N, C-alpha and C. Protein backbone atom coordinates (compact mmCIF):
# COMPACT_ATOMS: atom_id res chain seq x y z
N MET A 1 0.70 -1.08 0.34
CA MET A 1 0.24 -0.11 -0.12
C MET A 1 1.02 0.88 0.31
N GLN A 2 0.40 2.45 -0.99
CA GLN A 2 1.10 3.63 -1.10
C GLN A 2 1.11 4.07 0.68
N ASN A 3 2.51 4.82 0.84
CA ASN A 3 2.31 5.55 2.12
C ASN A 3 2.25 7.21 1.94
N ILE A 4 1.12 7.59 1.53
CA ILE A 4 0.67 8.93 1.49
C ILE A 4 0.26 9.29 3.04
N ASN A 5 0.46 10.35 3.38
CA ASN A 5 0.92 10.62 4.82
C ASN A 5 -0.61 11.37 5.05
N GLU A 6 -1.23 11.81 4.32
CA GLU A 6 -3.05 12.27 4.48
C GLU A 6 -3.59 10.90 4.57
N ILE A 7 -3.42 10.21 3.90
CA ILE A 7 -4.42 9.06 3.78
C ILE A 7 -4.30 8.32 4.61
N ASP A 8 -3.02 7.98 5.48
CA ASP A 8 -2.94 7.29 6.97
C ASP A 8 -3.04 7.70 7.71
N GLU A 9 -2.77 9.09 7.76
CA GLU A 9 -3.86 9.95 8.89
C GLU A 9 -5.03 10.04 8.97
N LEU A 10 -5.73 9.95 7.76
CA LEU A 10 -7.29 10.03 7.55
C LEU A 10 -7.44 8.72 8.54
N ILE A 11 -7.38 7.31 7.69
CA ILE A 11 -7.58 6.10 8.20
C ILE A 11 -7.38 5.65 9.53
N LYS A 12 -6.41 6.61 10.08
CA LYS A 12 -6.21 6.44 11.57
C LYS A 12 -7.51 6.91 12.40
N LEU A 13 -7.73 7.89 12.19
CA LEU A 13 -9.13 8.91 12.32
C LEU A 13 -10.39 8.21 12.70
N ILE A 14 -10.35 7.71 11.37
CA ILE A 14 -11.54 7.00 10.99
C ILE A 14 -11.76 5.76 11.65
N SER A 15 -10.63 4.96 11.76
CA SER A 15 -10.48 3.59 12.64
C SER A 15 -10.69 3.71 14.11
N LYS A 16 -10.76 4.72 14.43
CA LYS A 16 -11.34 5.38 15.79
C LYS A 16 -12.61 5.09 15.94
N LEU A 17 -13.54 5.42 14.91
CA LEU A 17 -14.87 5.58 15.50
C LEU A 17 -15.30 4.21 15.66
N PRO A 18 -16.86 4.60 16.35
CA PRO A 18 -17.72 2.83 16.85
C PRO A 18 -17.53 2.28 15.77
N GLY A 19 -17.31 0.57 15.80
CA GLY A 19 -17.51 -0.04 14.99
C GLY A 19 -16.90 -0.20 13.54
N LEU A 20 -15.78 0.63 13.55
CA LEU A 20 -15.14 0.66 12.64
C LEU A 20 -13.60 0.37 12.90
N GLY A 21 -13.04 -0.73 12.16
CA GLY A 21 -11.43 -0.92 11.97
C GLY A 21 -10.62 -0.50 11.15
N PRO A 22 -9.22 -1.02 10.91
CA PRO A 22 -8.31 -0.47 9.66
C PRO A 22 -8.89 -0.70 8.45
N LYS A 23 -9.50 -2.01 8.59
CA LYS A 23 -10.07 -2.48 6.99
C LYS A 23 -10.91 -1.54 6.51
N SER A 24 -11.91 -1.40 7.20
CA SER A 24 -13.65 -0.26 6.90
C SER A 24 -12.93 0.91 6.71
N ALA A 25 -12.23 1.40 7.39
CA ALA A 25 -11.24 2.61 7.57
C ALA A 25 -10.88 3.02 6.05
N LYS A 26 -9.89 1.65 5.56
CA LYS A 26 -9.63 2.36 4.22
C LYS A 26 -10.62 1.88 3.36
N ARG A 27 -11.64 1.24 3.34
CA ARG A 27 -12.49 1.06 2.33
C ARG A 27 -13.45 2.64 2.36
N ILE A 28 -13.22 2.85 3.20
CA ILE A 28 -14.09 4.32 3.56
C ILE A 28 -13.41 5.27 3.00
N VAL A 29 -12.08 5.46 3.02
CA VAL A 29 -10.93 6.68 2.30
C VAL A 29 -11.47 6.32 0.88
N LEU A 30 -10.90 5.28 0.58
CA LEU A 30 -10.97 4.88 -0.77
C LEU A 30 -12.02 5.10 -1.19
N LYS A 31 -13.41 5.36 -0.92
CA LYS A 31 -14.98 5.53 -1.24
C LYS A 31 -14.55 6.99 -1.22
N PHE A 32 -14.55 7.84 -0.29
CA PHE A 32 -13.91 9.38 -0.13
C PHE A 32 -13.24 9.58 -1.57
N ILE A 33 -11.99 9.13 -2.07
CA ILE A 33 -10.93 9.45 -2.87
C ILE A 33 -11.78 9.28 -4.29
N ASN A 34 -12.47 8.42 -4.62
CA ASN A 34 -12.98 7.93 -5.66
C ASN A 34 -14.27 8.85 -5.86
N ASN A 35 -14.97 9.83 -5.04
CA ASN A 35 -15.94 10.50 -5.35
C ASN A 35 -15.90 11.79 -4.18
N ARG A 36 -14.67 12.49 -4.56
CA ARG A 36 -14.18 13.55 -3.81
C ARG A 36 -15.03 14.36 -3.81
N ASP A 37 -15.75 14.72 -5.06
CA ASP A 37 -16.83 16.14 -5.51
C ASP A 37 -18.04 15.39 -4.82
N GLU A 38 -18.42 14.43 -4.60
CA GLU A 38 -19.48 14.09 -4.07
C GLU A 38 -19.78 13.66 -2.57
N LEU A 39 -18.35 13.48 -2.30
CA LEU A 39 -18.63 12.94 -0.62
C LEU A 39 -17.37 13.80 0.25
N ILE A 40 -16.20 14.11 -0.32
CA ILE A 40 -15.09 14.63 0.41
C ILE A 40 -15.79 16.40 0.63
N LYS A 41 -15.73 17.05 0.02
CA LYS A 41 -16.45 18.31 -0.19
C LYS A 41 -17.37 18.61 1.06
N PRO A 42 -18.70 18.20 0.96
CA PRO A 42 -19.72 18.37 1.48
C PRO A 42 -19.90 17.92 2.99
N ILE A 43 -19.12 16.35 3.03
CA ILE A 43 -18.35 16.33 4.40
C ILE A 43 -18.04 17.09 5.17
N ALA A 44 -16.79 17.43 4.54
CA ALA A 44 -15.86 18.26 5.26
C ALA A 44 -16.55 19.61 5.57
N ASN A 45 -17.26 19.89 4.67
CA ASN A 45 -18.45 21.04 4.93
C ASN A 45 -19.40 21.10 5.96
N SER A 46 -19.66 20.01 6.33
CA SER A 46 -20.82 19.38 7.21
C SER A 46 -19.93 19.47 8.76
N LEU A 47 -18.69 18.81 8.82
CA LEU A 47 -17.84 18.62 9.80
C LEU A 47 -17.42 19.87 10.37
N VAL A 48 -16.98 21.02 9.20
CA VAL A 48 -16.73 22.10 9.80
C VAL A 48 -17.82 23.22 10.53
N ASN A 49 -19.42 22.71 10.05
CA ASN A 49 -20.32 23.27 10.20
C ASN A 49 -20.59 22.82 11.49
N ILE A 50 -20.68 21.92 11.89
CA ILE A 50 -21.14 21.00 13.53
C ILE A 50 -20.08 21.68 14.14
N TYR A 51 -18.60 21.81 13.94
CA TYR A 51 -17.62 22.09 15.06
C TYR A 51 -17.90 23.20 15.29
N LYS A 52 -18.39 24.37 14.61
CA LYS A 52 -18.37 25.91 14.87
C LYS A 52 -19.66 26.30 15.51
N ASN A 53 -20.86 25.11 15.02
CA ASN A 53 -22.24 25.72 15.55
C ASN A 53 -23.14 24.55 16.27
N VAL A 54 -22.48 23.82 16.59
CA VAL A 54 -23.04 22.58 17.67
C VAL A 54 -22.40 22.65 18.80
N SER A 55 -22.87 22.17 19.93
CA SER A 55 -22.09 22.22 21.01
C SER A 55 -22.97 21.19 21.95
N ARG A 56 -22.64 20.98 23.03
CA ARG A 56 -23.47 20.24 24.13
C ARG A 56 -23.95 21.28 25.18
N CYS A 57 -25.31 20.97 25.62
CA CYS A 57 -26.04 21.93 26.57
C CYS A 57 -25.32 22.04 27.95
N ASN A 58 -24.62 22.86 28.81
CA ASN A 58 -24.37 22.59 30.07
C ASN A 58 -25.09 22.43 31.24
N SER A 59 -26.18 22.49 30.84
CA SER A 59 -27.87 22.27 31.71
C SER A 59 -28.23 20.70 31.50
N CYS A 60 -28.88 20.34 30.54
CA CYS A 60 -29.29 18.95 30.20
C CYS A 60 -28.63 18.49 29.81
N GLY A 61 -27.46 18.66 28.88
CA GLY A 61 -26.59 17.78 28.09
C GLY A 61 -26.48 17.29 26.84
N SER A 62 -27.85 17.84 26.67
CA SER A 62 -28.41 17.74 25.10
C SER A 62 -27.85 18.33 23.84
N LEU A 63 -27.73 18.14 22.45
CA LEU A 63 -26.86 18.88 21.79
C LEU A 63 -27.72 20.31 21.33
N LYS A 64 -26.99 21.15 20.95
CA LYS A 64 -28.09 22.34 20.84
C LYS A 64 -27.03 23.02 19.82
N SER A 65 -27.81 24.20 19.32
CA SER A 65 -27.53 24.66 18.40
C SER A 65 -26.65 26.61 18.94
N ASN A 66 -25.57 26.47 18.60
CA ASN A 66 -25.46 27.89 19.01
C ASN A 66 -25.41 28.90 19.13
N HIS A 67 -26.09 29.02 17.41
CA HIS A 67 -27.52 30.12 17.33
C HIS A 67 -28.72 29.92 17.83
N ASP A 68 -29.19 29.03 18.21
CA ASP A 68 -30.66 29.19 18.18
C ASP A 68 -30.73 28.81 19.82
N GLY A 69 -29.76 28.18 20.55
CA GLY A 69 -29.87 27.57 22.03
C GLY A 69 -30.40 26.42 22.02
N CYS A 70 -31.12 25.76 23.29
CA CYS A 70 -30.70 24.43 23.69
C CYS A 70 -32.78 24.65 23.62
N ILE A 71 -33.06 23.51 22.55
CA ILE A 71 -34.58 23.66 22.25
C ILE A 71 -35.03 22.63 23.54
N ASN A 72 -34.02 21.97 24.44
CA ASN A 72 -34.45 20.69 25.43
C ASN A 72 -34.96 21.81 26.63
N CYS A 73 -33.97 22.75 26.53
CA CYS A 73 -34.38 23.43 28.13
C CYS A 73 -34.91 24.88 28.11
N GLU A 74 -35.53 25.40 26.61
CA GLU A 74 -36.51 26.14 26.15
C GLU A 74 -37.69 25.62 25.96
N ASN A 75 -38.00 24.62 25.79
CA ASN A 75 -39.20 24.29 25.61
C ASN A 75 -40.32 24.67 26.47
N ILE A 76 -41.15 25.47 26.09
CA ILE A 76 -42.08 26.23 26.97
C ILE A 76 -43.56 25.68 26.68
N LYS A 77 -43.62 25.01 25.45
CA LYS A 77 -45.09 24.67 24.75
C LYS A 77 -45.39 23.26 25.70
N GLU A 78 -44.43 22.30 26.14
CA GLU A 78 -44.85 20.89 26.72
C GLU A 78 -44.03 20.97 28.09
N LYS A 79 -44.72 21.15 29.24
CA LYS A 79 -44.40 20.62 30.48
C LYS A 79 -44.45 19.37 31.13
N PHE A 80 -43.63 18.90 31.43
CA PHE A 80 -43.42 17.22 32.03
C PHE A 80 -43.28 17.51 33.25
N ASN A 81 -43.56 16.02 34.24
CA ASN A 81 -43.07 15.92 35.43
C ASN A 81 -41.96 15.19 35.66
N LYS A 82 -41.59 14.37 34.71
CA LYS A 82 -40.79 13.60 34.75
C LYS A 82 -39.19 13.50 33.90
N ILE A 83 -38.27 13.18 34.59
CA ILE A 83 -37.07 13.25 33.77
C ILE A 83 -36.36 12.48 33.65
N CYS A 84 -36.01 11.45 32.29
CA CYS A 84 -35.20 10.06 32.29
C CYS A 84 -33.64 10.90 32.33
N VAL A 85 -33.25 10.27 32.89
CA VAL A 85 -31.51 10.46 32.75
C VAL A 85 -30.77 8.87 32.16
N VAL A 86 -30.15 9.47 31.24
CA VAL A 86 -29.33 8.42 30.32
C VAL A 86 -27.58 9.35 30.56
N GLU A 87 -27.32 8.48 29.49
CA GLU A 87 -25.63 8.43 29.89
C GLU A 87 -25.17 9.32 28.61
N ASP A 88 -25.72 8.97 27.42
CA ASP A 88 -25.27 9.47 26.09
C ASP A 88 -26.14 9.90 25.67
N ILE A 89 -25.79 10.80 24.22
CA ILE A 89 -26.80 11.31 23.39
C ILE A 89 -27.59 10.14 22.58
N ALA A 90 -26.58 8.87 22.18
CA ALA A 90 -27.41 7.85 21.53
C ALA A 90 -28.50 7.14 22.37
N ASP A 91 -28.14 7.15 23.55
CA ASP A 91 -29.38 6.54 24.62
C ASP A 91 -30.45 7.08 24.39
N ARG A 92 -30.66 8.72 24.50
CA ARG A 92 -31.75 9.42 23.90
C ARG A 92 -32.45 9.10 22.71
N TRP A 93 -31.72 8.89 22.02
CA TRP A 93 -32.00 8.78 20.37
C TRP A 93 -32.84 7.29 20.52
N SER A 94 -32.25 6.42 21.11
CA SER A 94 -33.16 5.20 21.13
C SER A 94 -34.13 5.05 21.83
N ILE A 95 -34.06 5.96 23.14
CA ILE A 95 -35.44 5.92 23.56
C ILE A 95 -36.56 6.68 22.98
N GLU A 96 -36.05 7.70 22.24
CA GLU A 96 -36.82 8.53 21.98
C GLU A 96 -37.75 7.98 20.44
N ASN A 97 -36.91 7.03 19.77
CA ASN A 97 -37.18 6.33 18.50
C ASN A 97 -38.25 5.42 18.30
N SER A 98 -38.31 4.84 20.03
CA SER A 98 -39.31 4.17 20.50
C SER A 98 -40.73 4.43 20.73
N ASN A 99 -40.92 5.70 20.98
CA ASN A 99 -41.87 6.04 21.55
C ASN A 99 -42.51 5.85 23.02
N ILE A 100 -41.77 5.36 23.98
CA ILE A 100 -41.98 4.81 25.40
C ILE A 100 -42.02 5.77 26.23
N PHE A 101 -41.33 6.97 26.02
CA PHE A 101 -41.14 7.91 27.05
C PHE A 101 -41.61 9.04 26.80
N GLN A 102 -42.41 9.87 27.25
CA GLN A 102 -42.73 11.33 27.27
C GLN A 102 -42.71 12.52 28.63
N GLY A 103 -41.37 13.27 28.30
CA GLY A 103 -40.98 13.60 29.35
C GLY A 103 -39.56 14.16 28.89
N TYR A 104 -39.01 14.87 29.78
CA TYR A 104 -37.52 15.60 29.65
C TYR A 104 -36.94 14.36 29.50
N PHE A 105 -35.21 14.82 29.08
CA PHE A 105 -34.30 13.82 28.67
C PHE A 105 -33.19 14.70 29.78
N HIS A 106 -32.33 14.29 30.52
CA HIS A 106 -31.01 14.60 31.14
C HIS A 106 -29.66 13.91 30.42
N ILE A 107 -29.28 14.10 29.58
CA ILE A 107 -27.48 13.26 29.35
C ILE A 107 -26.59 14.00 30.22
N LEU A 108 -26.23 12.54 31.05
CA LEU A 108 -24.64 12.84 31.75
C LEU A 108 -23.63 13.05 31.26
N GLY A 109 -23.67 12.66 29.94
CA GLY A 109 -22.14 12.76 29.30
C GLY A 109 -21.24 11.53 29.63
N GLY A 110 -21.79 10.11 30.11
CA GLY A 110 -20.64 9.30 30.51
C GLY A 110 -21.28 8.90 32.05
N THR A 111 -20.75 7.85 32.36
CA THR A 111 -20.68 7.14 33.50
C THR A 111 -19.26 7.66 34.80
N ILE A 112 -19.21 7.26 35.84
CA ILE A 112 -18.38 7.70 36.83
C ILE A 112 -17.40 6.82 36.83
N SER A 113 -17.44 5.93 36.34
CA SER A 113 -16.11 4.92 35.91
C SER A 113 -15.36 4.74 34.71
N SER A 114 -16.10 5.52 34.14
CA SER A 114 -15.64 5.38 32.51
C SER A 114 -14.12 5.90 32.73
N VAL A 115 -12.94 5.57 31.83
CA VAL A 115 -11.86 6.08 31.60
C VAL A 115 -11.78 7.45 32.02
N GLY A 116 -10.84 8.02 32.32
CA GLY A 116 -10.63 9.62 32.70
C GLY A 116 -11.82 10.60 33.33
N GLN A 117 -12.92 9.70 33.22
CA GLN A 117 -14.38 10.26 33.51
C GLN A 117 -14.69 10.49 35.54
N ARG A 118 -14.49 11.90 35.53
CA ARG A 118 -14.98 11.99 37.08
C ARG A 118 -16.06 12.24 37.46
N LYS A 119 -16.58 12.57 38.57
CA LYS A 119 -18.01 12.54 38.86
C LYS A 119 -18.49 14.24 38.74
N GLU A 120 -17.61 15.00 38.49
CA GLU A 120 -17.47 16.62 38.48
C GLU A 120 -17.80 16.89 37.22
N ASP A 121 -17.70 15.85 36.42
CA ASP A 121 -17.47 15.88 34.97
C ASP A 121 -19.05 15.57 34.23
N LEU A 122 -19.60 14.68 34.98
CA LEU A 122 -20.78 14.77 34.73
C LEU A 122 -22.21 15.62 35.25
N LEU A 123 -23.10 15.50 34.47
CA LEU A 123 -23.98 16.81 34.72
C LEU A 123 -24.73 16.28 35.73
N ILE A 124 -24.46 16.25 37.04
CA ILE A 124 -25.15 15.68 38.28
C ILE A 124 -26.01 16.50 38.74
N ASN A 125 -25.22 17.86 38.96
CA ASN A 125 -25.24 18.97 39.86
C ASN A 125 -26.46 19.70 39.21
N SER A 126 -26.26 19.70 37.89
CA SER A 126 -27.43 20.52 37.09
C SER A 126 -28.81 19.56 37.16
N LEU A 127 -28.99 18.38 37.16
CA LEU A 127 -29.76 17.22 37.51
C LEU A 127 -30.67 17.70 38.35
N VAL A 128 -29.75 17.78 39.77
CA VAL A 128 -30.58 17.94 40.70
C VAL A 128 -31.29 19.85 41.07
N GLU A 129 -30.43 20.50 40.47
CA GLU A 129 -31.19 21.89 39.97
C GLU A 129 -32.19 21.89 38.77
N ARG A 130 -32.13 21.05 38.09
CA ARG A 130 -33.25 21.03 37.13
C ARG A 130 -34.78 20.00 37.96
N VAL A 131 -34.22 19.35 38.82
CA VAL A 131 -35.26 18.76 39.32
C VAL A 131 -35.89 19.71 40.66
N ASN A 132 -35.27 20.42 40.70
CA ASN A 132 -36.02 21.44 42.09
C ASN A 132 -36.60 22.48 41.46
N LYS A 133 -36.08 23.14 40.48
CA LYS A 133 -36.39 24.28 39.24
C LYS A 133 -37.97 23.60 38.57
N GLU A 134 -37.66 22.72 38.41
CA GLU A 134 -38.93 22.40 37.28
C GLU A 134 -40.16 21.55 37.79
N LYS A 135 -39.57 21.33 39.24
CA LYS A 135 -40.72 20.91 40.06
C LYS A 135 -41.22 19.11 39.47
N ILE A 136 -40.16 18.75 39.16
CA ILE A 136 -39.71 17.24 38.68
C ILE A 136 -40.76 16.06 39.98
N GLU A 137 -41.61 15.43 39.36
CA GLU A 137 -41.92 14.60 40.35
C GLU A 137 -41.39 13.09 40.41
N GLU A 138 -40.95 12.87 39.16
CA GLU A 138 -40.20 11.57 39.02
C GLU A 138 -38.98 11.42 37.95
N VAL A 139 -37.82 10.90 38.43
CA VAL A 139 -36.70 11.00 38.19
C VAL A 139 -36.27 9.50 37.53
N ILE A 140 -36.48 9.13 36.55
CA ILE A 140 -36.13 7.41 36.01
C ILE A 140 -34.67 7.62 35.64
N ILE A 141 -33.94 6.85 36.15
CA ILE A 141 -32.54 6.34 36.03
C ILE A 141 -32.65 5.29 34.74
N ALA A 142 -31.79 5.91 33.68
CA ALA A 142 -32.16 4.75 32.70
C ALA A 142 -30.62 4.80 32.49
N THR A 143 -29.46 4.44 33.22
CA THR A 143 -28.09 4.04 33.01
C THR A 143 -28.35 2.84 32.53
N SER A 144 -26.97 2.11 31.94
CA SER A 144 -26.99 0.74 31.36
C SER A 144 -26.80 0.00 32.50
N ALA A 145 -26.88 -1.07 32.62
CA ALA A 145 -27.00 -2.52 33.37
C ALA A 145 -25.29 -3.00 33.45
N THR A 146 -24.48 -1.80 33.51
CA THR A 146 -23.08 -2.33 33.41
C THR A 146 -22.59 -1.68 35.00
N VAL A 147 -21.47 -2.12 35.33
CA VAL A 147 -20.88 -1.70 36.55
C VAL A 147 -20.85 -0.62 36.76
N GLU A 148 -20.61 -0.01 35.75
CA GLU A 148 -20.28 1.83 35.55
C GLU A 148 -21.66 1.96 35.72
N GLY A 149 -22.30 1.83 34.73
CA GLY A 149 -23.64 2.46 34.85
C GLY A 149 -24.58 2.12 36.26
N GLN A 150 -24.48 1.14 37.18
CA GLN A 150 -25.05 0.81 37.81
C GLN A 150 -24.06 2.03 39.12
N THR A 151 -23.05 1.59 39.34
CA THR A 151 -22.48 2.81 40.01
C THR A 151 -22.94 3.88 40.15
N THR A 152 -23.06 4.69 38.84
CA THR A 152 -23.70 6.04 38.58
C THR A 152 -24.96 6.17 39.07
N ALA A 153 -25.89 5.12 38.61
CA ALA A 153 -27.13 5.04 39.38
C ALA A 153 -27.42 5.70 40.70
N TYR A 154 -26.24 4.73 41.44
CA TYR A 154 -26.41 5.04 43.10
C TYR A 154 -26.27 6.21 43.12
N TYR A 155 -24.67 6.83 42.68
CA TYR A 155 -24.44 8.36 42.77
C TYR A 155 -25.53 9.13 42.84
N ILE A 156 -26.65 9.18 41.44
CA ILE A 156 -27.30 10.19 41.31
C ILE A 156 -28.53 9.95 42.66
N GLN A 157 -28.49 8.49 42.90
CA GLN A 157 -29.73 8.13 43.77
C GLN A 157 -29.39 9.06 44.88
N ASP A 158 -28.51 8.85 45.55
CA ASP A 158 -27.75 9.57 46.88
C ASP A 158 -27.72 11.08 46.60
N SER A 159 -27.33 11.71 45.32
CA SER A 159 -27.51 13.35 44.92
C SER A 159 -29.14 13.99 45.29
N LEU A 160 -30.23 12.97 44.83
CA LEU A 160 -31.37 13.33 44.72
C LEU A 160 -31.75 13.16 46.26
N LYS A 161 -31.03 12.70 47.37
CA LYS A 161 -31.76 12.42 48.35
C LYS A 161 -32.43 13.45 49.07
N ASN A 162 -32.58 14.89 49.40
CA ASN A 162 -33.06 15.49 49.36
C ASN A 162 -33.96 16.08 49.04
N CYS A 163 -34.28 15.63 47.68
CA CYS A 163 -35.41 16.27 46.69
C CYS A 163 -36.26 15.58 46.88
N ASN A 164 -37.43 16.20 47.08
CA ASN A 164 -39.20 15.69 47.18
C ASN A 164 -39.27 14.95 45.79
N VAL A 165 -38.96 13.48 45.24
CA VAL A 165 -38.85 13.35 44.38
C VAL A 165 -38.82 11.70 44.28
N LYS A 166 -39.80 11.18 43.39
CA LYS A 166 -39.81 9.79 42.97
C LYS A 166 -38.65 9.19 42.20
N ILE A 167 -37.76 8.49 42.79
CA ILE A 167 -36.30 7.97 41.86
C ILE A 167 -36.89 6.41 41.64
N THR A 168 -36.82 6.24 39.92
CA THR A 168 -37.00 4.86 39.77
C THR A 168 -36.06 4.67 38.67
N LYS A 169 -35.38 3.50 38.34
CA LYS A 169 -34.70 2.71 37.61
C LYS A 169 -35.34 1.69 36.78
N LEU A 170 -34.68 1.50 35.49
CA LEU A 170 -34.94 0.29 34.63
C LEU A 170 -34.81 -0.73 35.26
N ALA A 171 -35.88 -1.55 34.80
CA ALA A 171 -36.37 -3.09 35.80
C ALA A 171 -36.03 -4.10 34.80
N GLN A 172 -36.98 -5.06 34.80
CA GLN A 172 -37.03 -6.23 33.90
C GLN A 172 -36.84 -5.95 32.31
N GLY A 173 -36.20 -6.77 31.93
CA GLY A 173 -35.88 -6.68 30.28
C GLY A 173 -34.93 -5.99 30.08
N LEU A 174 -34.17 -5.71 31.10
CA LEU A 174 -32.57 -4.70 30.72
C LEU A 174 -31.62 -5.64 31.02
N PRO A 175 -31.02 -6.74 30.25
CA PRO A 175 -30.18 -7.20 30.84
C PRO A 175 -28.84 -7.28 31.22
N VAL A 176 -28.29 -7.91 32.44
CA VAL A 176 -26.93 -7.69 32.70
C VAL A 176 -25.95 -7.13 31.58
N GLY A 177 -25.45 -5.97 31.87
CA GLY A 177 -24.24 -5.86 31.10
C GLY A 177 -24.80 -4.99 29.73
N GLY A 178 -26.08 -4.87 29.69
CA GLY A 178 -26.79 -4.47 28.37
C GLY A 178 -26.62 -2.74 28.41
N GLU A 179 -26.33 -2.44 27.62
CA GLU A 179 -26.37 -0.68 27.25
C GLU A 179 -27.42 -0.37 26.05
N ILE A 180 -27.74 0.71 27.05
CA ILE A 180 -29.22 1.51 26.18
C ILE A 180 -29.81 1.33 24.70
N GLU A 181 -28.30 2.13 24.19
CA GLU A 181 -28.54 1.96 22.74
C GLU A 181 -28.73 0.97 22.02
N ASN A 182 -28.43 -0.18 22.57
CA ASN A 182 -28.45 -1.55 21.88
C ASN A 182 -29.60 -2.15 22.34
N LEU A 183 -30.66 -1.67 22.82
CA LEU A 183 -31.65 -2.66 23.06
C LEU A 183 -32.22 -2.46 22.08
N ASP A 184 -33.37 -3.32 21.93
CA ASP A 184 -34.55 -3.27 20.77
C ASP A 184 -35.92 -2.77 21.70
N ASP A 185 -36.69 -2.26 20.47
CA ASP A 185 -37.84 -1.49 21.43
C ASP A 185 -38.84 -2.31 22.51
N GLY A 186 -38.88 -3.52 21.97
CA GLY A 186 -39.59 -4.23 23.01
C GLY A 186 -38.81 -4.76 24.47
N THR A 187 -37.65 -4.68 24.46
CA THR A 187 -36.77 -4.53 25.86
C THR A 187 -36.63 -3.25 26.35
N LEU A 188 -37.10 -2.35 25.96
CA LEU A 188 -37.16 -0.94 26.58
C LEU A 188 -38.32 -0.82 26.69
N PHE A 189 -39.49 -1.32 26.38
CA PHE A 189 -40.89 -0.98 26.64
C PHE A 189 -41.23 -1.59 27.99
N SER A 190 -40.21 -2.92 27.96
CA SER A 190 -40.55 -3.78 29.39
C SER A 190 -39.69 -3.04 30.66
N ALA A 191 -38.72 -2.67 30.20
CA ALA A 191 -37.92 -2.17 31.32
C ALA A 191 -38.27 -0.55 31.82
N PHE A 192 -38.94 0.08 30.91
CA PHE A 192 -39.77 1.00 31.41
C PHE A 192 -40.94 0.76 32.04
N LYS A 193 -41.75 -0.29 31.49
CA LYS A 193 -43.15 -0.25 32.30
C LYS A 193 -42.70 -0.91 33.51
N ASN A 194 -41.81 -2.01 33.74
CA ASN A 194 -41.79 -2.55 35.57
C ASN A 194 -40.55 -2.00 36.00
N ARG A 195 -40.10 -0.75 35.85
CA ARG A 195 -39.16 0.19 36.37
C ARG A 195 -39.72 0.38 37.89
N SER A 196 -38.28 0.04 38.51
CA SER A 196 -38.75 -0.03 39.84
C SER A 196 -38.34 1.10 40.83
N SER A 197 -38.63 1.37 42.31
CA SER A 197 -38.42 2.40 42.85
C SER A 197 -37.21 2.37 43.89
N LEU A 198 -36.49 3.72 43.68
CA LEU A 198 -35.49 3.42 44.67
C LEU A 198 -35.55 4.19 45.87
N ASN A 199 -36.63 4.92 46.36
CA ASN A 199 -36.50 5.55 47.52
C ASN A 199 -37.87 4.82 48.22
N SER A 200 -38.06 5.87 49.35
CA SER A 200 -39.18 5.59 49.83
C SER A 200 -40.39 6.85 49.80
N ASN A 201 -40.25 7.97 48.85
CA ASN A 201 -40.88 8.72 48.73
C ASN A 201 -41.85 8.52 47.49
N SER A 202 -42.03 7.36 46.71
CA SER A 202 -42.49 6.54 45.85
C SER A 202 -44.19 5.89 46.54
N SER A 203 -45.20 5.82 46.09
CA SER A 203 -46.20 4.82 46.63
C SER A 203 -46.57 3.88 45.49
């Protein structure tokens, strides 16, 4: 294979994406090169626009436009009394696509035990603020059934102990070690429907 620095660098970067390795990255790069006008230019422009104009909300963790603000936080048309707490954006998208949950979302941005991830890096303090400010009645903890996800769930529960709010977690149907974004709609429905209480404030 020809050693062209620009190509080698792009292959290395693409191979870091989820589900892709060096072989898949090479095929993608070749597709780009063979379709430079149809793919490279528009993709490059889109990436630049996303880098400049899209960021993560410091309050709820959702993606927001730097021009229009956070739609999730500024939504005044719909008022909910539930917040579903997930680890990342992909988890939110999976739950939204299933139409199982109607309420607010709060994206933590990871788990406590993730590599290099600290409690301070997660949006747990802002979750407590939202619960109090928006008069939330139930917090549904939808972290993954991994050790890291469960550790994070316990920490969230402890952080909310002084809030007058019902705390529940996803239950049956969520397999041990399972990640939210990989679950099918039926499994998610069962997990939400059979969620269990984590505190004594619930009836």
